[in-house]
Amino acid sequence: MIKGKLEKMPTNFTFKLVANDKLIYVTDAKGNDVIKTKSSKDAGVFEIPVYISKINEKWTLVR
């Protein structure tokens, strides 16, 4: 099980077609990645881009 707490959910998502229109890149309204860690002195901020695609008629999170 992954533990953690959702601090803030972006209210406005932006969707951009990429990879010859096969993937959708999801960002917040400002163009920032929607998954990121809190800032720390040692590591700074770690951001994870989110891409989704329809595979076998199901929406799937892809990398």
C-alpha atoms as a PDB file:
ATOM      1  CA  MET A   1       0.000   0.000   0.000  1.00  0.00           C
ATOM      2  CA  ILE A   2       1.255   3.459  -0.820  1.00  0.00           C
ATOM      3  CA  LYS A   3       0.939   5.814   2.083  1.00  0.00           C
ATOM      4  CA  GLY A   4       0.682   9.536   1.789  1.00  0.00           C
ATOM      5  CA  LYS A   5      -1.644  12.445   1.770  1.00  0.00           C
ATOM      6  CA  LEU A   6      -3.045  14.425  -1.113  1.00  0.00           C
ATOM      7  CA  GLU A   7      -2.170  17.988  -0.185  1.00  0.00           C
ATOM      8  CA  LYS A   8      -3.723  19.807  -3.085  1.00  0.00           C
ATOM      9  CA  MET A   9      -5.691  18.692  -6.127  1.00  0.00           C
ATOM     10  CA  PRO A  10      -5.376  20.944  -9.178  1.00  0.00           C
ATOM     11  CA  THR A  11      -8.772  22.322 -10.137  1.00  0.00           C
ATOM     12  CA  ASN A  12      -8.068  22.964 -13.804  1.00  0.00           C
ATOM     13  CA  PHE A  13      -6.327  20.298 -15.827  1.00  0.00           C
ATOM     14  CA  THR A  14      -4.849  20.898 -19.267  1.00  0.00           C
ATOM     15  CA  PHE A  15      -4.662  18.081 -21.796  1.00  0.00           C
ATOM     16  CA  LYS A  16      -2.190  18.102 -24.687  1.00  0.00           C
ATOM     17  CA  LEU A  17      -1.937  15.465 -27.402  1.00  0.00           C
ATOM     18  CA  VAL A  18       1.638  14.190 -27.848  1.00  0.00           C
ATOM     19  CA  ALA A  19       3.445  11.262 -29.516  1.00  0.00           C
ATOM     20  CA  ASN A  20       1.587  11.474 -32.829  1.00  0.00           C
ATOM     21  CA  ASP A  21      -1.695  11.983 -30.963  1.00  0.00           C
ATOM     22  CA  LYS A  22      -1.379   8.637 -29.148  1.00  0.00           C
ATOM     23  CA  LEU A  23      -0.814  10.024 -25.634  1.00  0.00           C
ATOM     24  CA  ILE A  24      -2.359  12.802 -23.603  1.00  0.00           C
ATOM     25  CA  TYR A  25      -0.022  14.838 -21.380  1.00  0.00           C
ATOM     26  CA  VAL A  26      -1.870  16.100 -18.301  1.00  0.00           C
ATOM     27  CA  THR A  27      -0.771  19.321 -16.564  1.00  0.00           C
ATOM     28  CA  ASP A  28      -2.325  21.882 -14.277  1.00  0.00           C
ATOM     29  CA  ALA A  29      -3.626  25.181 -15.643  1.00  0.00           C
ATOM     30  CA  LYS A  30      -0.119  26.709 -15.447  1.00  0.00           C
ATOM     31  CA  GLY A  31       1.496  23.862 -17.409  1.00  0.00           C
ATOM     32  CA  ASN A  32       3.115  22.214 -14.372  1.00  0.00           C
ATOM     33  CA  ASP A  33       3.182  18.475 -13.739  1.00  0.00           C
ATOM     34  CA  VAL A  34       0.263  17.385 -11.577  1.00  0.00           C
ATOM     35  CA  ILE A  35       2.226  15.015  -9.335  1.00  0.00           C
ATOM     36  CA  LYS A  36       5.023  16.516  -7.247  1.00  0.00           C
ATOM     37  CA  THR A  37       6.599  16.124  -3.840  1.00  0.00           C
ATOM     38  CA  LYS A  38       6.846  18.765  -1.193  1.00  0.00           C
ATOM     39  CA  SER A  39      10.021  20.802  -1.300  1.00  0.00           C
ATOM     40  CA  SER A  40      12.822  19.648   0.995  1.00  0.00           C
ATOM     41  CA  LYS A  41      16.277  21.009   1.766  1.00  0.00           C
ATOM     42  CA  ASP A  42      18.007  17.815   0.646  1.00  0.00           C
ATOM     43  CA  ALA A  43      16.111  16.874  -2.497  1.00  0.00           C
ATOM     44  CA  GLY A  44      14.205  19.941  -3.642  1.00  0.00           C
ATOM     45  CA  VAL A  45      11.007  19.097  -5.514  1.00  0.00           C
ATOM     46  CA  PHE A  46      10.486  15.940  -7.544  1.00  0.00           C
ATOM     47  CA  GLU A  47       7.855  16.150 -10.299  1.00  0.00           C
ATOM     48  CA  ILE A  48       6.309  13.275 -12.237  1.00  0.00           C
ATOM     49  CA  PRO A  49       4.738  13.879 -15.633  1.00  0.00           C
ATOM     50  CA  VAL A  50       1.386  12.182 -16.226  1.00  0.00           C
ATOM     51  CA  TYR A  51       0.522  10.640 -19.577  1.00  0.00           C
ATOM     52  CA  ILE A  52      -2.681   8.759 -20.317  1.00  0.00           C
ATOM     53  CA  SER A  53      -3.802   6.731 -23.306  1.00  0.00           C
ATOM     54  CA  LYS A  54      -6.712   4.547 -24.298  1.00  0.00           C
ATOM     55  CA  ILE A  55      -5.495   0.947 -24.505  1.00  0.00           C
ATOM     56  CA  ASN A  56      -7.945  -1.847 -25.278  1.00  0.00           C
ATOM     57  CA  GLU A  57     -10.824   0.594 -24.772  1.00  0.00           C
ATOM     58  CA  LYS A  58      -9.666   1.516 -21.234  1.00  0.00           C
ATOM     59  CA  TRP A  59      -8.009   4.739 -20.107  1.00  0.00           C
ATOM     60  CA  THR A  60      -4.562   3.849 -18.756  1.00  0.00           C
ATOM     61  CA  LEU A  61      -1.787   5.780 -17.036  1.00  0.00           C
ATOM     62  CA  VAL A  62       1.312   5.287 -19.206  1.00  0.00           C
ATOM     63  CA  ARG A  63       4.989   6.243 -19.051  1.00  0.00           C
END
